[in-house]
Amino acid sequence: EAPAEAFVLDVEALPNPADLDFGRLLPLLSR
């Protein structure tokens, strides 16, 4: 029920950002 706020997702600090599980990450953030 948290109100949604728009963010930029910055992955520059990660060694292999292309390997992130975005399908799991995005809902995890949205909650």
Full PDB file with SEQRES, HELIX, SHEET, SSBOND, CRYST1, ORIGX, SCALE, CONECT and MASTER records, all heavy atoms in Angstrom:
SEQRES   1 A   31  GLU ALA PRO ALA GLU ALA PHE VAL LEU ASP VAL GLU ALA          
SEQRES   2 A   31  LEU PRO ASN PRO ALA ASP LEU ASP PHE GLY ARG LEU LEU          
SEQRES   3 A   31  PRO LEU LEU SER ARG                                          
HELIX    1 AA1 PRO A   17  ASP A   19  5                                   3    
HELIX    2 AA2 PHE A   22  SER A   30  1                                   9    
CRYST1    1.000    1.000    1.000  90.00  90.00  90.00 P 1           1          
ORIGX1      1.000000  0.000000  0.000000        0.00000                         
ORIGX2      0.000000  1.000000  0.000000        0.00000                         
ORIGX3      0.000000  0.000000  1.000000        0.00000                         
SCALE1      1.000000  0.000000  0.000000        0.00000                         
SCALE2      0.000000  1.000000  0.000000        0.00000                         
SCALE3      0.000000  0.000000  1.000000        0.00000                         
ATOM      1  N   GLU A   1       0.814  -1.210   0.000  1.00  0.00           N  
ATOM      2  CA  GLU A   1       0.000   0.000   0.000  1.00  0.00           C  
ATOM      3  C   GLU A   1       0.850   1.264   0.000  1.00  0.00           C  
ATOM      4  O   GLU A   1       0.329   2.374   0.068  1.00  0.00           O  
ATOM      5  CB  GLU A   1      -0.924   0.005   1.218  1.00  0.00           C  
ATOM      6  CG  GLU A   1      -1.912  -1.157   1.211  1.00  0.00           C  
ATOM      7  CD  GLU A   1      -2.808  -1.150   2.429  1.00  0.00           C  
ATOM      8  OE1 GLU A   1      -2.621  -0.257   3.287  1.00  0.00           O  
ATOM      9  OE2 GLU A   1      -3.684  -2.011   2.526  1.00  0.00           O  
ATOM     10  N   ALA A   2       2.174   1.129  -0.060  1.00  0.00           N  
ATOM     11  CA  ALA A   2       3.050   2.304  -0.073  1.00  0.00           C  
ATOM     12  C   ALA A   2       2.806   3.122  -1.334  1.00  0.00           C  
ATOM     13  O   ALA A   2       2.666   2.565  -2.420  1.00  0.00           O  
ATOM     14  CB  ALA A   2       4.512   1.862  -0.025  1.00  0.00           C  
ATOM     15  N   PRO A   3       2.703   4.449  -1.225  1.00  0.00           N  
ATOM     16  CA  PRO A   3       2.507   5.276  -2.420  1.00  0.00           C  
ATOM     17  C   PRO A   3       3.715   5.197  -3.332  1.00  0.00           C  
ATOM     18  O   PRO A   3       4.857   5.271  -2.887  1.00  0.00           O  
ATOM     19  CB  PRO A   3       2.346   6.693  -1.836  1.00  0.00           C  
ATOM     20  CG  PRO A   3       2.990   6.637  -0.490  1.00  0.00           C  
ATOM     21  CD  PRO A   3       2.796   5.242   0.005  1.00  0.00           C  
ATOM     22  N   ALA A   4       3.474   4.993  -4.620  1.00  0.00           N  
ATOM     23  CA  ALA A   4       4.573   4.826  -5.577  1.00  0.00           C  
ATOM     24  C   ALA A   4       5.256   6.155  -5.845  1.00  0.00           C  
ATOM     25  O   ALA A   4       4.597   7.175  -6.028  1.00  0.00           O  
ATOM     26  CB  ALA A   4       4.037   4.228  -6.875  1.00  0.00           C  
ATOM     27  N   GLU A   5       6.573   6.147  -5.856  1.00  0.00           N  
ATOM     28  CA  GLU A   5       7.367   7.319  -6.196  1.00  0.00           C  
ATOM     29  C   GLU A   5       8.363   6.931  -7.276  1.00  0.00           C  
ATOM     30  O   GLU A   5       9.002   5.878  -7.201  1.00  0.00           O  
ATOM     31  CB  GLU A   5       8.090   7.854  -4.966  1.00  0.00           C  
ATOM     32  CG  GLU A   5       8.970   9.045  -5.255  1.00  0.00           C  
ATOM     33  CD  GLU A   5       8.768  10.170  -4.250  1.00  0.00           C  
ATOM     34  OE1 GLU A   5       8.088   9.946  -3.243  1.00  0.00           O  
ATOM     35  OE2 GLU A   5       9.307  11.251  -4.487  1.00  0.00           O  
ATOM     36  N   ALA A   6       8.488   7.772  -8.294  1.00  0.00           N  
ATOM     37  CA  ALA A   6       9.359   7.453  -9.426  1.00  0.00           C  
ATOM     38  C   ALA A   6      10.831   7.622  -9.042  1.00  0.00           C  
ATOM     39  O   ALA A   6      11.205   8.615  -8.424  1.00  0.00           O  
ATOM     40  CB  ALA A   6       9.011   8.339 -10.608  1.00  0.00           C  
ATOM     41  N   PHE A   7      11.647   6.637  -9.456  1.00  0.00           N  
ATOM     42  CA  PHE A   7      13.082   6.664  -9.210  1.00  0.00           C  
ATOM     43  C   PHE A   7      13.828   6.247 -10.476  1.00  0.00           C  
ATOM     44  O   PHE A   7      13.310   5.494 -11.302  1.00  0.00           O  
ATOM     45  CB  PHE A   7      13.467   5.667  -8.105  1.00  0.00           C  
ATOM     46  CG  PHE A   7      13.308   6.170  -6.704  1.00  0.00           C  
ATOM     47  CD1 PHE A   7      12.057   6.242  -6.122  1.00  0.00           C  
ATOM     48  CD2 PHE A   7      14.407   6.561  -5.959  1.00  0.00           C  
ATOM     49  CE1 PHE A   7      11.901   6.690  -4.824  1.00  0.00           C  
ATOM     50  CE2 PHE A   7      14.262   7.013  -4.655  1.00  0.00           C  
ATOM     51  CZ  PHE A   7      13.010   7.075  -4.083  1.00  0.00           C  
ATOM     52  N   VAL A   8      15.068   6.727 -10.595  1.00  0.00           N  
ATOM     53  CA  VAL A   8      16.011   6.195 -11.568  1.00  0.00           C  
ATOM     54  C   VAL A   8      16.792   5.083 -10.877  1.00  0.00           C  
ATOM     55  O   VAL A   8      17.249   5.239  -9.745  1.00  0.00           O  
ATOM     56  CB  VAL A   8      16.978   7.289 -12.061  1.00  0.00           C  
ATOM     57  CG1 VAL A   8      18.071   6.689 -12.931  1.00  0.00           C  
ATOM     58  CG2 VAL A   8      16.222   8.363 -12.821  1.00  0.00           C  
ATOM     59  N   LEU A   9      16.938   3.954 -11.542  1.00  0.00           N  
ATOM     60  CA  LEU A   9      17.675   2.816 -10.999  1.00  0.00           C  
ATOM     61  C   LEU A   9      19.111   2.892 -11.512  1.00  0.00           C  
ATOM     62  O   LEU A   9      19.388   2.628 -12.678  1.00  0.00           O  
ATOM     63  CB  LEU A   9      16.992   1.514 -11.438  1.00  0.00           C  
ATOM     64  CG  LEU A   9      17.566   0.208 -10.910  1.00  0.00           C  
ATOM     65  CD1 LEU A   9      17.534   0.183  -9.391  1.00  0.00           C  
ATOM     66  CD2 LEU A   9      16.772  -0.966 -11.476  1.00  0.00           C  
ATOM     67  N   ASP A  10      20.036   3.263 -10.632  1.00  0.00           N  
ATOM     68  CA  ASP A  10      21.444   3.436 -10.990  1.00  0.00           C  
ATOM     69  C   ASP A  10      22.210   2.166 -10.653  1.00  0.00           C  
ATOM     70  O   ASP A  10      22.305   1.773  -9.485  1.00  0.00           O  
ATOM     71  CB  ASP A  10      22.033   4.627 -10.220  1.00  0.00           C  
ATOM     72  CG  ASP A  10      23.406   5.040 -10.736  1.00  0.00           C  
ATOM     73  OD1 ASP A  10      24.167   4.151 -11.161  1.00  0.00           O  
ATOM     74  OD2 ASP A  10      23.710   6.241 -10.710  1.00  0.00           O  
ATOM     75  N   VAL A  11      22.749   1.493 -11.679  1.00  0.00           N  
ATOM     76  CA  VAL A  11      23.459   0.222 -11.475  1.00  0.00           C  
ATOM     77  C   VAL A  11      24.944   0.338 -11.804  1.00  0.00           C  
ATOM     78  O   VAL A  11      25.625  -0.662 -12.008  1.00  0.00           O  
ATOM     79  CB  VAL A  11      22.808  -0.900 -12.314  1.00  0.00           C  
ATOM     80  CG1 VAL A  11      21.397  -1.177 -11.822  1.00  0.00           C  
ATOM     81  CG2 VAL A  11      22.777  -0.545 -13.801  1.00  0.00           C  
ATOM     82  N   GLU A  12      25.458   1.560 -11.828  1.00  0.00           N  
ATOM     83  CA  GLU A  12      26.856   1.774 -12.210  1.00  0.00           C  
ATOM     84  C   GLU A  12      27.830   1.114 -11.240  1.00  0.00           C  
ATOM     85  O   GLU A  12      28.920   0.705 -11.623  1.00  0.00           O  
ATOM     86  CB  GLU A  12      27.141   3.279 -12.291  1.00  0.00           C  
ATOM     87  CG  GLU A  12      28.538   3.615 -12.771  1.00  0.00           C  
ATOM     88  CD  GLU A  12      28.751   5.109 -12.990  1.00  0.00           C  
ATOM     89  OE1 GLU A  12      27.758   5.866 -12.908  1.00  0.00           O  
ATOM     90  OE2 GLU A  12      29.895   5.505 -13.240  1.00  0.00           O  
ATOM     91  N   ALA A  13      27.446   0.989  -9.965  1.00  0.00           N  
ATOM     92  CA  ALA A  13      28.362   0.432  -8.961  1.00  0.00           C  
ATOM     93  C   ALA A  13      28.417  -1.093  -8.979  1.00  0.00           C  
ATOM     94  O   ALA A  13      29.243  -1.686  -8.268  1.00  0.00           O  
ATOM     95  CB  ALA A  13      27.955   0.914  -7.564  1.00  0.00           C  
ATOM     96  N   LEU A  14      27.575  -1.741  -9.776  1.00  0.00           N  
ATOM     97  CA  LEU A  14      27.542  -3.203  -9.800  1.00  0.00           C  
ATOM     98  C   LEU A  14      28.520  -3.750 -10.835  1.00  0.00           C  
ATOM     99  O   LEU A  14      28.661  -3.181 -11.919  1.00  0.00           O  
ATOM    100  CB  LEU A  14      26.133  -3.699 -10.115  1.00  0.00           C  
ATOM    101  CG  LEU A  14      25.029  -3.267  -9.151  1.00  0.00           C  
ATOM    102  CD1 LEU A  14      23.702  -3.864  -9.574  1.00  0.00           C  
ATOM    103  CD2 LEU A  14      25.372  -3.670  -7.715  1.00  0.00           C  
ATOM    104  N   PRO A  15      29.187  -4.885 -10.552  1.00  0.00           N  
ATOM    105  CA  PRO A  15      30.172  -5.426 -11.498  1.00  0.00           C  
ATOM    106  C   PRO A  15      29.532  -5.989 -12.767  1.00  0.00           C  
ATOM    107  O   PRO A  15      30.105  -5.875 -13.851  1.00  0.00           O  
ATOM    108  CB  PRO A  15      30.879  -6.521 -10.688  1.00  0.00           C  
ATOM    109  CG  PRO A  15      29.906  -6.889  -9.603  1.00  0.00           C  
ATOM    110  CD  PRO A  15      29.159  -5.632  -9.281  1.00  0.00           C  
ATOM    111  N   ASN A  16      28.357  -6.618 -12.650  1.00  0.00           N  
ATOM    112  CA  ASN A  16      27.695  -7.231 -13.809  1.00  0.00           C  
ATOM    113  C   ASN A  16      26.202  -6.887 -13.802  1.00  0.00           C  
ATOM    114  O   ASN A  16      25.355  -7.759 -13.545  1.00  0.00           O  
ATOM    115  CB  ASN A  16      27.877  -8.760 -13.784  1.00  0.00           C  
ATOM    116  CG  ASN A  16      29.338  -9.168 -13.841  1.00  0.00           C  
ATOM    117  OD1 ASN A  16      30.025  -8.897 -14.829  1.00  0.00           O  
ATOM    118  ND2 ASN A  16      29.801  -9.828 -12.791  1.00  0.00           N  
ATOM    119  N   PRO A  17      25.867  -5.634 -14.076  1.00  0.00           N  
ATOM    120  CA  PRO A  17      24.457  -5.219 -13.975  1.00  0.00           C  
ATOM    121  C   PRO A  17      23.540  -5.941 -14.952  1.00  0.00           C  
ATOM    122  O   PRO A  17      22.352  -6.111 -14.668  1.00  0.00           O  
ATOM    123  CB  PRO A  17      24.517  -3.720 -14.275  1.00  0.00           C  
ATOM    124  CG  PRO A  17      25.795  -3.510 -15.015  1.00  0.00           C  
ATOM    125  CD  PRO A  17      26.741  -4.523 -14.463  1.00  0.00           C  
ATOM    126  N   ALA A  18      24.064  -6.405 -16.082  1.00  0.00           N  
ATOM    127  CA  ALA A  18      23.221  -7.107 -17.061  1.00  0.00           C  
ATOM    128  C   ALA A  18      22.724  -8.436 -16.516  1.00  0.00           C  
ATOM    129  O   ALA A  18      21.732  -8.982 -17.019  1.00  0.00           O  
ATOM    130  CB  ALA A  18      23.990  -7.318 -18.360  1.00  0.00           C  
ATOM    131  N   ASP A  19      23.385  -8.972 -15.481  1.00  0.00           N  
ATOM    132  CA  ASP A  19      22.993 -10.257 -14.909  1.00  0.00           C  
ATOM    133  C   ASP A  19      21.961 -10.128 -13.798  1.00  0.00           C  
ATOM    134  O   ASP A  19      21.513 -11.132 -13.234  1.00  0.00           O  
ATOM    135  CB  ASP A  19      24.228 -10.980 -14.343  1.00  0.00           C  
ATOM    136  CG  ASP A  19      25.221 -11.356 -15.438  1.00  0.00           C  
ATOM    137  OD1 ASP A  19      24.796 -11.471 -16.600  1.00  0.00           O  
ATOM    138  OD2 ASP A  19      26.412 -11.512 -15.121  1.00  0.00           O  
ATOM    139  N   LEU A  20      21.573  -8.895 -13.455  1.00  0.00           N  
ATOM    140  CA  LEU A  20      20.560  -8.692 -12.417  1.00  0.00           C  
ATOM    141  C   LEU A  20      19.247  -9.359 -12.806  1.00  0.00           C  
ATOM    142  O   LEU A  20      18.844  -9.329 -13.975  1.00  0.00           O  
ATOM    143  CB  LEU A  20      20.316  -7.200 -12.210  1.00  0.00           C  
ATOM    144  CG  LEU A  20      21.080  -6.475 -11.116  1.00  0.00           C  
ATOM    145  CD1 LEU A  20      20.728  -4.999 -11.142  1.00  0.00           C  
ATOM    146  CD2 LEU A  20      20.773  -7.051  -9.743  1.00  0.00           C  
ATOM    147  N   ASP A  21      18.553  -9.906 -11.833  1.00  0.00           N  
ATOM    148  CA  ASP A  21      17.233 -10.484 -12.062  1.00  0.00           C  
ATOM    149  C   ASP A  21      16.199  -9.352 -11.964  1.00  0.00           C  
ATOM    150  O   ASP A  21      15.563  -9.148 -10.930  1.00  0.00           O  
ATOM    151  CB  ASP A  21      16.950 -11.577 -11.022  1.00  0.00           C  
ATOM    152  CG  ASP A  21      15.637 -12.292 -11.272  1.00  0.00           C  
ATOM    153  OD1 ASP A  21      14.884 -11.867 -12.175  1.00  0.00           O  
ATOM    154  OD2 ASP A  21      15.351 -13.268 -10.557  1.00  0.00           O  
ATOM    155  N   PHE A  22      16.060  -8.587 -13.065  1.00  0.00           N  
ATOM    156  CA  PHE A  22      15.156  -7.440 -13.049  1.00  0.00           C  
ATOM    157  C   PHE A  22      13.702  -7.873 -12.854  1.00  0.00           C  
ATOM    158  O   PHE A  22      12.894  -7.126 -12.303  1.00  0.00           O  
ATOM    159  CB  PHE A  22      15.291  -6.633 -14.343  1.00  0.00           C  
ATOM    160  CG  PHE A  22      16.556  -5.830 -14.413  1.00  0.00           C  
ATOM    161  CD1 PHE A  22      17.704  -6.354 -14.985  1.00  0.00           C  
ATOM    162  CD2 PHE A  22      16.608  -4.547 -13.896  1.00  0.00           C  
ATOM    163  CE1 PHE A  22      18.879  -5.625 -15.045  1.00  0.00           C  
ATOM    164  CE2 PHE A  22      17.775  -3.799 -13.956  1.00  0.00           C  
ATOM    165  CZ  PHE A  22      18.917  -4.337 -14.529  1.00  0.00           C  
ATOM    166  N   GLY A  23      13.358  -9.073 -13.323  1.00  0.00           N  
ATOM    167  CA  GLY A  23      12.002  -9.568 -13.142  1.00  0.00           C  
ATOM    168  C   GLY A  23      11.628  -9.709 -11.677  1.00  0.00           C  
ATOM    169  O   GLY A  23      10.458  -9.585 -11.308  1.00  0.00           O  
ATOM    170  N   ARG A  24      12.607  -9.962 -10.828  1.00  0.00           N  
ATOM    171  CA  ARG A  24      12.376 -10.024  -9.383  1.00  0.00           C  
ATOM    172  C   ARG A  24      12.646  -8.682  -8.714  1.00  0.00           C  
ATOM    173  O   ARG A  24      11.960  -8.296  -7.767  1.00  0.00           O  
ATOM    174  CB  ARG A  24      13.286 -11.100  -8.779  1.00  0.00           C  
ATOM    175  CG  ARG A  24      13.119 -11.264  -7.275  1.00  0.00           C  
ATOM    176  CD  ARG A  24      14.121 -12.256  -6.717  1.00  0.00           C  
ATOM    177  NE  ARG A  24      14.129 -12.237  -5.261  1.00  0.00           N  
ATOM    178  CZ  ARG A  24      15.120 -12.677  -4.507  1.00  0.00           C  
ATOM    179  NH1 ARG A  24      16.200 -13.205  -5.092  1.00  0.00           N  
ATOM    180  NH2 ARG A  24      15.058 -12.625  -3.188  1.00  0.00           N  
ATOM    181  N   LEU A  25      13.665  -7.971  -9.207  1.00  0.00           N  
ATOM    182  CA  LEU A  25      14.075  -6.714  -8.581  1.00  0.00           C  
ATOM    183  C   LEU A  25      12.987  -5.652  -8.651  1.00  0.00           C  
ATOM    184  O   LEU A  25      12.687  -4.986  -7.649  1.00  0.00           O  
ATOM    185  CB  LEU A  25      15.349  -6.196  -9.256  1.00  0.00           C  
ATOM    186  CG  LEU A  25      15.814  -4.788  -8.846  1.00  0.00           C  
ATOM    187  CD1 LEU A  25      16.164  -4.734  -7.373  1.00  0.00           C  
ATOM    188  CD2 LEU A  25      16.998  -4.344  -9.700  1.00  0.00           C  
ATOM    189  N   LEU A  26      12.378  -5.448  -9.811  1.00  0.00           N  
ATOM    190  CA  LEU A  26      11.425  -4.353  -9.972  1.00  0.00           C  
ATOM    191  C   LEU A  26      10.200  -4.497  -9.060  1.00  0.00           C  
ATOM    192  O   LEU A  26       9.804  -3.535  -8.399  1.00  0.00           O  
ATOM    193  CB  LEU A  26      11.019  -4.226 -11.441  1.00  0.00           C  
ATOM    194  CG  LEU A  26      12.175  -3.843 -12.394  1.00  0.00           C  
ATOM    195  CD1 LEU A  26      11.675  -3.781 -13.832  1.00  0.00           C  
ATOM    196  CD2 LEU A  26      12.825  -2.531 -11.992  1.00  0.00           C  
ATOM    197  N   PRO A  27       9.574  -5.694  -8.965  1.00  0.00           N  
ATOM    198  CA  PRO A  27       8.476  -5.841  -7.998  1.00  0.00           C  
ATOM    199  C   PRO A  27       8.939  -5.675  -6.552  1.00  0.00           C  
ATOM    200  O   PRO A  27       8.204  -5.146  -5.718  1.00  0.00           O  
ATOM    201  CB  PRO A  27       7.972  -7.264  -8.262  1.00  0.00           C  
ATOM    202  CG  PRO A  27       8.405  -7.589  -9.649  1.00  0.00           C  
ATOM    203  CD  PRO A  27       9.722  -6.888  -9.817  1.00  0.00           C  
ATOM    204  N   LEU A  28      10.173  -6.119  -6.269  1.00  0.00           N  
ATOM    205  CA  LEU A  28      10.722  -5.979  -4.927  1.00  0.00           C  
ATOM    206  C   LEU A  28      10.792  -4.501  -4.528  1.00  0.00           C  
ATOM    207  O   LEU A  28      10.457  -4.115  -3.410  1.00  0.00           O  
ATOM    208  CB  LEU A  28      12.109  -6.629  -4.906  1.00  0.00           C  
ATOM    209  CG  LEU A  28      12.901  -6.707  -3.598  1.00  0.00           C  
ATOM    210  CD1 LEU A  28      13.817  -7.920  -3.625  1.00  0.00           C  
ATOM    211  CD2 LEU A  28      13.744  -5.455  -3.395  1.00  0.00           C  
ATOM    212  N   LEU A  29      11.216  -3.657  -5.467  1.00  0.00           N  
ATOM    213  CA  LEU A  29      11.260  -2.214  -5.221  1.00  0.00           C  
ATOM    214  C   LEU A  29       9.859  -1.633  -5.131  1.00  0.00           C  
ATOM    215  O   LEU A  29       9.564  -0.796  -4.269  1.00  0.00           O  
ATOM    216  CB  LEU A  29      12.043  -1.523  -6.335  1.00  0.00           C  
ATOM    217  CG  LEU A  29      13.538  -1.851  -6.444  1.00  0.00           C  
ATOM    218  CD1 LEU A  29      14.117  -1.240  -7.709  1.00  0.00           C  
ATOM    219  CD2 LEU A  29      14.294  -1.354  -5.218  1.00  0.00           C  
ATOM    220  N   SER A  30       8.992  -2.068  -6.020  1.00  0.00           N  
ATOM    221  CA  SER A  30       7.636  -1.519  -6.079  1.00  0.00           C  
ATOM    222  C   SER A  30       6.886  -1.727  -4.775  1.00  0.00           C  
ATOM    223  O   SER A  30       6.110  -0.869  -4.349  1.00  0.00           O  
ATOM    224  CB  SER A  30       6.879  -2.159  -7.239  1.00  0.00           C  
ATOM    225  OG  SER A  30       5.579  -1.625  -7.347  1.00  0.00           O  
ATOM    226  N   ARG A  31       7.115  -2.857  -4.115  1.00  0.00           N  
ATOM    227  CA  ARG A  31       6.426  -3.137  -2.846  1.00  0.00           C  
ATOM    228  C   ARG A  31       6.836  -2.156  -1.755  1.00  0.00           C  
ATOM    229  O   ARG A  31       6.143  -2.024  -0.745  1.00  0.00           O  
ATOM    230  CB  ARG A  31       6.713  -4.569  -2.392  1.00  0.00           C  
ATOM    231  CG  ARG A  31       5.998  -5.627  -3.221  1.00  0.00           C  
ATOM    232  CD  ARG A  31       6.029  -6.978  -2.522  1.00  0.00           C  
ATOM    233  NE  ARG A  31       7.371  -7.514  -2.377  1.00  0.00           N  
ATOM    234  CZ  ARG A  31       7.974  -8.264  -3.297  1.00  0.00           C  
ATOM    235  NH1 ARG A  31       7.367  -8.540  -4.446  1.00  0.00           N  
ATOM    236  NH2 ARG A  31       9.190  -8.739  -3.075  1.00  0.00           N  
TER     237      ARG A  31                                                      
MASTER        0    0    0    2    0    0    0    6  236    1    0    3          
END                                                                             
